[in-house]
């Protein structure tokens, strides 16, 4: 893709930026990181706040201290297109997925001036021009089609534009990274079954991105052999830096680049920093008695975590990795395969810890600031913040 075409696709029009920037960002200072960030079309491919919406959380309200996300902070962070994750553990099913999709649509209907339901590249561009949050659906876990390919079609008709073939649990037709590496599934049973390959083929036909986050290596390679479209890695990191099962090895990263896909980086501390678990476990051991007491009072895990964050802020801050760790992963991918194959898949509201300075969706501008400091060009930033994801999304459309 030549630079003239890419710039026209990856950044907002001058009119849109001027309207959004007037009186606040100093539009004339074109190289200022805030101005560049405002011009970029920011696409985050994974956010789990929809689960909170299902429980009654209102994202039109100020939810600081409760969630990573709300509508005002999406705007403040310059987020233009958000894939909301339709997630469940292994007990979820199609009915639960549909409930989440209906919930998102209801939230959008209540906030028409701020959100636009998007199912296509053109919808995203429309939302950008109108200054609204393009709100898209990604299904996290192939178990939610109930082993029925017709329900895959139904999810697509209801707006789902990617599906992660597995979550941590395997399906009868695809094995997960967790199950493959734990030895739960014997080698002879790993990967995609014949039916699983049909699922991938049907996703290609529909125009639904094949998401390979969470899948086992054998499933990954089987899917890569079947797909005719660029793949999405909606929220994963680099195995060489943080060797957790669901991160990507070098040969996988190279294969994704060859396929024309994109790797959207996850912000979870445990997937970024190999030392995080050691620090976190030490913190939890130190405060075990207090945590046990709160559990005895029927406090939820999230409420306990929030209590500890407020009571021991300096200790919690030291457990978190520095912001630079995210860019170690990004730089690694860029050096290995180039700048066209990496982007942002935050996992906000689906994780318990993020690097310092990334406390919520309003903090995305610090990423642009650091990219500039590291020598990335303005066009590189447009690609990383959303252009690469948009390219893959558009390539998958019918």
Protein backbone atom coordinates (compact mmCIF):
# COMPACT_ATOMS: atom_id res chain seq x y z
CA UNK A 1 0.00 0.00 0.00
CA UNK A 2 1.59 3.30 -1.02
CA UNK A 3 1.80 6.14 1.48
CA UNK A 4 -0.78 8.36 -0.24
CA UNK A 5 -3.44 5.64 -0.11
CA UNK A 6 -2.53 4.56 3.40
CA UNK A 7 -2.66 8.07 4.84
CA UNK A 8 -6.10 8.68 3.35
CA UNK A 9 -7.39 5.52 5.00
CA UNK A 10 -5.57 5.65 8.32
CA UNK A 11 -6.22 9.16 9.52
CA UNK A 12 -9.26 11.37 9.95
CA UNK A 13 -10.08 14.07 7.44
CA UNK A 14 -8.70 17.53 8.09
CA UNK A 15 -12.23 18.84 8.70
CA UNK A 16 -12.98 16.18 11.31
CA UNK A 17 -9.71 16.85 13.11
CA UNK A 18 -10.17 20.61 12.99
CA UNK A 19 -13.64 20.35 14.51
CA UNK A 20 -12.46 17.94 17.20
CA UNK A 21 -9.33 19.93 17.96
CA UNK A 22 -10.68 23.47 17.98
CA UNK A 23 -9.70 25.31 21.12
CA UNK A 24 -8.11 22.30 22.80
CA UNK A 25 -5.28 20.62 20.94
CA UNK A 26 -3.50 23.45 19.15
CA UNK A 27 -4.19 22.12 15.66
CA UNK A 28 -1.43 24.21 14.06
CA UNK A 29 1.19 22.24 15.98
CA UNK A 30 0.98 19.29 13.63
CA UNK A 31 3.82 17.33 15.22
CA UNK A 32 2.49 17.61 18.77
CA UNK A 33 1.64 14.11 20.01
CA UNK A 34 -1.90 15.12 20.99
CA UNK A 35 -2.57 16.46 17.51
CA UNK A 36 -1.17 13.33 15.86
CA UNK A 37 -3.18 11.15 18.22
CA UNK A 38 -6.33 13.10 17.39
CA UNK A 39 -5.74 12.62 13.66
CA UNK A 40 -5.20 8.87 13.97
CA UNK A 41 -8.17 6.55 13.65
CA UNK A 42 -7.77 4.54 16.85
CA UNK A 43 -9.13 0.99 16.72
CA UNK A 44 -9.03 -1.14 19.86
CA UNK A 45 -9.96 -4.73 19.06
CA UNK A 46 -10.68 -5.98 22.58
CA UNK A 47 -12.50 -4.44 25.54
CA UNK A 48 -14.54 -6.42 28.09
CA UNK A 49 -16.68 -3.66 29.61
CA UNK A 50 -19.77 -5.22 27.98
CA UNK A 51 -19.87 -7.76 30.82
CA UNK A 52 -20.24 -4.84 33.24
CA UNK A 53 -22.98 -3.34 31.06
CA UNK A 54 -24.82 -6.66 31.28
CA UNK A 55 -24.74 -6.28 35.07
CA UNK A 56 -26.25 -2.81 34.90
CA UNK A 57 -23.20 -0.54 34.72
CA UNK A 58 -24.06 2.61 32.73
CA UNK A 59 -21.09 3.66 30.57
CA UNK A 60 -22.67 7.07 29.97
CA UNK A 61 -21.76 7.83 33.61
CA UNK A 62 -18.34 8.61 35.09
CA UNK A 63 -17.03 5.17 36.06
CA UNK A 64 -13.53 6.07 37.23
CA UNK A 65 -12.49 3.71 39.99
CA UNK A 66 -15.07 1.16 38.84
CA UNK A 67 -14.07 0.33 35.27
CA UNK A 68 -11.34 1.12 32.75
CA UNK A 69 -13.96 2.47 30.36
CA UNK A 70 -16.85 4.88 29.96
CA UNK A 71 -18.08 7.01 27.08
CA UNK A 72 -16.42 10.22 28.22
CA UNK A 73 -13.07 8.47 28.64
CA UNK A 74 -13.35 6.76 25.24
CA UNK A 75 -13.68 10.26 23.80
CA UNK A 76 -10.87 11.65 25.91
CA UNK A 77 -8.60 8.81 24.85
CA UNK A 78 -9.32 9.35 21.18
CA UNK A 79 -10.84 5.89 20.69
CA UNK A 80 -12.72 5.90 17.37
CA UNK A 81 -13.65 2.23 16.95
CA UNK A 82 -14.08 -0.24 19.78
CA UNK A 83 -14.67 -3.95 19.42
CA UNK A 84 -16.69 -4.89 22.50
CA UNK A 85 -15.94 -8.46 23.54
CA UNK A 86 -18.83 -10.89 23.83
CA UNK A 87 -17.27 -13.22 26.38
CA UNK A 88 -18.11 -16.11 28.65
CA UNK A 89 -16.25 -18.86 30.40
CA UNK A 90 -16.63 -22.45 29.20
CA UNK A 91 -20.25 -22.51 30.44
CA UNK A 92 -21.40 -19.84 28.00
CA UNK A 93 -23.51 -20.52 24.94
CA UNK A 94 -25.18 -18.89 21.95
CA UNK A 95 -28.10 -17.62 24.06
CA UNK A 96 -25.71 -15.81 26.40
CA UNK A 97 -23.76 -14.36 23.48
CA UNK A 98 -26.99 -13.05 21.96
CA UNK A 99 -27.97 -11.49 25.30
CA UNK A 100 -24.70 -9.56 25.36
CA UNK A 101 -25.12 -8.38 21.78
CA UNK A 102 -28.67 -7.21 22.55
CA UNK A 103 -27.36 -5.40 25.63
CA UNK A 104 -24.78 -3.50 23.59
CA UNK A 105 -27.39 -2.54 21.00
CA UNK A 106 -29.66 -1.24 23.79
CA UNK A 107 -26.82 0.85 25.23
CA UNK A 108 -26.12 2.30 21.77
CA UNK A 109 -29.83 3.09 21.32
CA UNK A 110 -29.77 5.03 24.61
CA UNK A 111 -26.68 7.01 23.54
CA UNK A 112 -27.24 7.77 19.83
CA UNK A 113 -25.27 11.03 19.94
CA UNK A 114 -22.16 9.26 21.18
CA UNK A 115 -22.25 5.74 19.75
CA UNK A 116 -22.88 4.17 16.36
CA UNK A 117 -23.39 0.43 15.83
CA UNK A 118 -20.83 -0.57 13.21
CA UNK A 119 -20.53 -3.72 11.12
CA UNK A 120 -18.39 -2.49 8.22
CA UNK A 121 -15.39 -0.38 7.34
CA UNK A 122 -17.72 2.26 5.92
CA UNK A 123 -19.65 2.34 9.20
CA UNK A 124 -16.43 3.10 11.04
CA UNK A 125 -15.66 5.96 8.64
CA UNK A 126 -19.20 7.28 9.12
CA UNK A 127 -18.78 7.22 12.90
CA UNK A 128 -15.45 9.02 12.64
CA UNK A 129 -16.97 11.78 10.52
CA UNK A 130 -19.84 12.14 13.01
CA UNK A 131 -17.54 12.13 16.04
CA UNK A 132 -19.17 9.00 17.47
CA UNK A 133 -17.69 5.81 18.89
CA UNK A 134 -17.93 3.09 16.26
CA UNK A 135 -19.16 0.18 18.36
CA UNK A 136 -18.39 -3.28 17.01
CA UNK A 137 -18.78 -6.85 18.25
CA UNK A 138 -16.13 -9.52 18.64
CA UNK A 139 -17.08 -12.92 20.05
CA UNK A 140 -14.45 -14.37 22.40
CA UNK A 141 -14.82 -18.12 22.31
CA UNK A 142 -16.02 -20.54 19.63
CA UNK A 143 -17.95 -22.48 22.27
CA UNK A 144 -20.68 -19.85 21.93
CA UNK A 145 -21.86 -21.24 18.60
CA UNK A 146 -22.93 -24.45 20.40
CA UNK A 147 -21.18 -26.59 17.76
CA UNK A 148 -23.75 -25.36 15.26
CA UNK A 149 -22.43 -23.53 12.21
CA UNK A 150 -25.88 -22.01 11.64
CA UNK A 151 -25.42 -20.13 14.91
CA UNK A 152 -22.17 -18.73 13.54
CA UNK A 153 -24.26 -17.27 10.73
CA UNK A 154 -26.69 -15.89 13.32
CA UNK A 155 -23.89 -14.18 15.23
CA UNK A 156 -22.72 -12.57 11.99
CA UNK A 157 -26.26 -11.41 11.17
CA UNK A 158 -26.44 -9.88 14.64
CA UNK A 159 -23.26 -7.88 14.03
CA UNK A 160 -20.33 -10.05 15.16
CA UNK A 161 -17.32 -9.30 12.98
CA UNK A 162 -14.74 -11.56 14.57
CA UNK A 163 -14.75 -14.73 16.59
CA UNK A 164 -11.89 -16.09 18.69
CA UNK A 165 -11.84 -19.79 17.82
CA UNK A 166 -11.26 -20.72 21.46
CA UNK A 167 -11.07 -19.02 24.81
CA UNK A 168 -8.99 -20.80 27.48
CA UNK A 169 -11.27 -23.80 27.06
CA UNK A 170 -11.17 -26.00 23.97
CA UNK A 171 -14.21 -26.75 21.84
CA UNK A 172 -14.98 -30.16 20.32
CA UNK A 173 -13.48 -28.78 17.09
CA UNK A 174 -10.51 -26.62 18.22
CA UNK A 175 -7.95 -26.86 21.03
CA UNK A 176 -6.87 -23.90 23.14
CA UNK A 177 -3.40 -22.77 24.15
CA UNK A 178 -4.22 -23.54 27.78
CA UNK A 179 -5.29 -27.10 27.05
CA UNK A 180 -2.51 -27.87 24.59
CA UNK A 181 0.27 -26.69 26.90
CA UNK A 182 -1.18 -28.28 30.05
CA UNK A 183 -1.23 -31.69 28.39
CA UNK A 184 -4.98 -31.92 28.90
CA UNK A 185 -5.37 -32.75 25.22
CA UNK A 186 -3.11 -35.47 23.72
CA UNK A 187 -1.06 -34.52 20.67
CA UNK A 188 -3.17 -36.66 18.37
CA UNK A 189 -6.30 -34.69 19.34
CA UNK A 190 -4.87 -31.17 19.01
CA UNK A 191 -5.76 -28.60 16.37
CA UNK A 192 -8.80 -28.18 14.19
CA UNK A 193 -11.06 -31.07 13.36
CA UNK A 194 -12.65 -31.32 9.93
CA UNK A 195 -15.62 -29.44 11.37
CA UNK A 196 -13.30 -26.80 12.81
CA UNK A 197 -11.83 -26.21 9.36
CA UNK A 198 -15.35 -25.77 8.04
CA UNK A 199 -15.96 -23.11 10.71
CA UNK A 200 -12.89 -21.17 9.52
CA UNK A 201 -13.99 -21.51 5.89
CA UNK A 202 -17.47 -20.27 6.76
CA UNK A 203 -16.04 -17.29 8.63
CA UNK A 204 -14.08 -16.38 5.48
CA UNK A 205 -17.26 -16.66 3.41
CA UNK A 206 -19.26 -14.50 5.80
CA UNK A 207 -16.63 -11.81 6.16
CA UNK A 208 -15.99 -12.53 9.84
CA UNK A 209 -12.37 -12.18 10.96
CA UNK A 210 -10.73 -15.35 12.26
CA UNK A 211 -9.26 -14.42 15.65
CA UNK A 212 -6.39 -16.64 16.80
CA UNK A 213 -5.78 -15.23 20.26
CA UNK A 214 -6.06 -17.98 22.90
CA UNK A 215 -5.74 -20.87 20.42
CA UNK A 216 -3.18 -23.65 20.74
CA UNK A 217 -0.21 -23.84 18.37
CA UNK A 218 -1.66 -26.78 16.48
CA UNK A 219 -4.96 -24.95 16.07
CA UNK A 220 -3.05 -21.86 14.94
CA UNK A 221 -1.21 -23.69 12.17
CA UNK A 222 -4.31 -25.58 11.06
CA UNK A 223 -6.26 -22.32 10.82
CA UNK A 224 -3.45 -20.61 8.91
CA UNK A 225 -3.47 -23.45 6.40
CA UNK A 226 -7.23 -23.11 5.85
CA UNK A 227 -7.94 -19.38 5.89
CA UNK A 228 -8.03 -17.43 2.65
CA UNK A 229 -8.25 -14.08 4.44
CA UNK A 230 -5.89 -12.15 6.75
CA UNK A 231 -6.22 -13.25 10.38
CA UNK A 232 -6.71 -11.16 13.49
CA UNK A 233 -4.86 -11.64 16.77
CA UNK A 234 -7.20 -9.50 18.84
CA UNK A 235 -5.27 -9.39 22.14
CA UNK A 236 -1.94 -11.22 22.45
CA UNK A 237 1.76 -10.48 22.95
CA UNK A 238 5.25 -11.85 22.22
CA UNK A 239 6.26 -15.25 23.63
CA UNK A 240 9.99 -14.49 23.37
CA UNK A 241 9.59 -11.68 25.92
CA UNK A 242 6.83 -13.14 28.11
CA UNK A 243 6.67 -16.94 27.60
CA UNK A 244 3.05 -17.55 28.54
CA UNK A 245 1.12 -20.16 26.50
CA UNK A 246 -1.17 -17.74 24.67
CA UNK A 247 1.59 -15.41 23.45
CA UNK A 248 3.01 -15.73 19.93
CA UNK A 249 6.27 -17.38 18.97
CA UNK A 250 8.52 -15.96 16.26
CA UNK A 251 7.41 -18.40 13.57
CA UNK A 252 3.78 -17.53 14.29
CA UNK A 253 4.50 -13.79 14.07
CA UNK A 254 6.21 -14.31 10.71
CA UNK A 255 3.31 -16.42 9.45
CA UNK A 256 0.81 -13.72 10.43
CA UNK A 257 2.81 -11.12 8.51
CA UNK A 258 3.00 -13.40 5.45
CA UNK A 259 -0.77 -13.89 5.68
CA UNK A 260 -1.32 -10.10 5.87
CA UNK A 261 -2.86 -10.30 9.33
CA UNK A 262 -2.31 -8.16 12.41
CA UNK A 263 -1.27 -8.68 16.05
CA UNK A 264 -3.14 -6.42 18.47
CA UNK A 265 -1.19 -6.09 21.71
CA UNK A 266 -2.78 -7.01 25.03
CA UNK A 267 -2.16 -4.62 27.96
CA UNK A 268 -2.34 -7.26 30.72
CA UNK A 269 0.77 -7.08 32.90
CA UNK A 270 1.03 -10.87 33.09
CA UNK A 271 1.20 -11.21 29.29
CA UNK A 272 3.74 -8.40 28.97
CA UNK A 273 6.15 -8.86 31.88
CA UNK A 274 7.60 -12.28 32.80
CA UNK A 275 8.38 -11.00 36.31
CA UNK A 276 4.87 -9.74 37.04
CA UNK A 277 3.52 -12.95 38.57
CA UNK A 278 6.43 -13.10 41.02
CA UNK A 279 5.77 -9.56 42.27
CA UNK A 280 2.02 -10.05 42.35
CA UNK A 281 2.25 -13.33 44.26
CA UNK A 282 4.51 -11.70 46.83
CA UNK A 283 1.99 -8.88 47.30
CA UNK A 284 -0.88 -11.34 47.69
CA UNK A 285 1.07 -13.47 50.18
CA UNK A 286 1.82 -10.39 52.26
CA UNK A 287 -1.89 -9.50 52.47
CA UNK A 288 -3.32 -13.03 52.50
CA UNK A 289 -4.92 -12.75 55.94
CA UNK A 290 -6.76 -9.58 55.01
CA UNK A 291 -7.92 -11.06 51.70
CA UNK A 292 -9.16 -14.21 53.44
CA UNK A 293 -11.13 -12.11 55.90
CA UNK A 294 -12.83 -10.20 53.09
CA UNK A 295 -13.66 -13.43 51.26
CA UNK A 296 -15.27 -14.70 54.48
CA UNK A 297 -17.52 -11.63 54.30
CA UNK A 298 -18.50 -12.66 50.75
CA UNK A 299 -16.58 -9.89 49.01
CA UNK A 300 -16.08 -10.50 45.30
CA UNK A 301 -12.61 -10.83 43.83
CA UNK A 302 -12.92 -7.50 42.00
CA UNK A 303 -14.06 -5.70 45.16
CA UNK A 304 -11.14 -7.15 47.12
CA UNK A 305 -8.72 -6.06 44.40
CA UNK A 306 -10.15 -2.53 44.39
CA UNK A 307 -9.95 -2.38 48.20
CA UNK A 308 -6.28 -3.37 48.14
CA UNK A 309 -5.50 -0.86 45.37
CA UNK A 310 -6.95 1.97 47.44
CA UNK A 311 -5.42 0.86 50.73
CA UNK A 312 -1.92 0.07 49.43
CA UNK A 313 -1.51 2.28 46.34
CA UNK A 314 2.28 2.50 46.48
CA UNK A 315 2.69 -1.26 46.83
CA UNK A 316 0.25 -1.93 43.99
CA UNK A 317 2.06 0.56 41.76
CA UNK A 318 5.34 -1.26 42.32
CA UNK A 319 3.75 -4.54 41.27
CA UNK A 320 2.78 -3.05 37.89
CA UNK A 321 5.40 -3.09 35.12
CA UNK A 322 6.64 0.14 33.52
CA UNK A 323 4.94 1.45 30.39
CA UNK A 324 8.08 0.62 28.42
CA UNK A 325 7.31 -3.12 28.56
CA UNK A 326 4.43 -2.66 26.10
CA UNK A 327 6.82 -1.05 23.63
CA UNK A 328 9.33 -3.85 24.07
CA UNK A 329 6.69 -6.14 22.56
CA UNK A 330 5.74 -3.65 19.87
CA UNK A 331 9.36 -2.97 18.87
CA UNK A 332 10.07 -6.69 18.77
CA UNK A 333 7.27 -7.32 16.25
CA UNK A 334 8.25 -4.31 14.15
CA UNK A 335 11.89 -5.40 14.00
CA UNK A 336 10.90 -8.97 13.14
CA UNK A 337 8.26 -8.35 10.45
CA UNK A 338 7.63 -4.61 10.04
CA UNK A 339 5.26 -1.91 11.22
CA UNK A 340 2.29 -3.11 9.15
CA UNK A 341 1.38 -6.01 11.43
CA UNK A 342 0.87 -4.61 14.94
CA UNK A 343 -1.82 -2.64 16.74
CA UNK A 344 -3.80 -2.23 19.96
CA UNK A 345 -6.03 -4.86 21.61
CA UNK A 346 -6.05 -3.53 25.16
CA UNK A 347 -8.21 -6.05 27.04
CA UNK A 348 -9.31 -3.15 29.26
CA UNK A 349 -11.98 -4.25 31.74
CA UNK A 350 -10.94 -7.83 31.21
CA UNK A 351 -7.67 -7.66 33.12
CA UNK A 352 -6.65 -6.94 36.71
CA UNK A 353 -3.36 -5.16 36.04
CA UNK A 354 -1.93 -2.93 33.32
CA UNK A 355 1.41 -1.13 32.94
CA UNK A 356 1.90 2.16 34.75
CA UNK A 357 0.33 5.16 33.01
CA UNK A 358 -2.31 2.94 31.36
CA UNK A 359 -5.15 3.21 33.88
CA UNK A 360 -8.01 3.33 31.41
CA UNK A 361 -9.12 4.07 27.86
CA UNK A 362 -8.43 7.77 28.37
CA UNK A 363 -4.71 7.01 28.55
CA UNK A 364 -4.25 5.92 24.93
CA UNK A 365 -2.54 9.25 24.04
CA UNK A 366 0.50 8.28 26.14
CA UNK A 367 1.09 5.47 23.63
CA UNK A 368 1.31 7.95 20.77
CA UNK A 369 3.61 10.12 22.88
CA UNK A 370 5.97 7.19 23.50
CA UNK A 371 5.87 6.08 19.86
CA UNK A 372 7.03 9.54 18.81
CA UNK A 373 9.76 9.48 21.45
CA UNK A 374 10.96 6.15 20.05
CA UNK A 375 11.27 7.56 16.55
CA UNK A 376 8.14 6.20 14.91
CA UNK A 377 6.89 8.39 12.07
CA UNK A 378 3.44 9.94 11.91
CA UNK A 379 2.39 7.41 9.26
CA UNK A 380 3.72 4.56 11.41
CA UNK A 381 1.58 5.80 14.27
CA UNK A 382 -1.52 5.92 12.09
CA UNK A 383 -0.93 2.28 11.17
CA UNK A 384 -0.27 1.10 14.74
CA UNK A 385 -3.15 2.96 16.33
CA UNK A 386 -5.74 1.63 13.91
CA UNK A 387 -4.73 1.53 10.27
CA UNK A 388 -3.41 -2.01 10.35
CA UNK A 389 -6.57 -3.30 12.03
CA UNK A 390 -8.74 -1.41 9.54
CA UNK A 391 -6.81 -2.99 6.67
CA UNK A 392 -7.47 -6.49 7.97
CA UNK A 393 -11.10 -5.71 8.71
CA UNK A 394 -11.66 -4.37 5.20
CA UNK A 395 -9.85 -7.33 3.62
CA UNK A 396 -12.25 -9.71 5.37
CA UNK A 397 -15.42 -7.98 4.20
CA UNK A 398 -17.45 -9.67 1.49
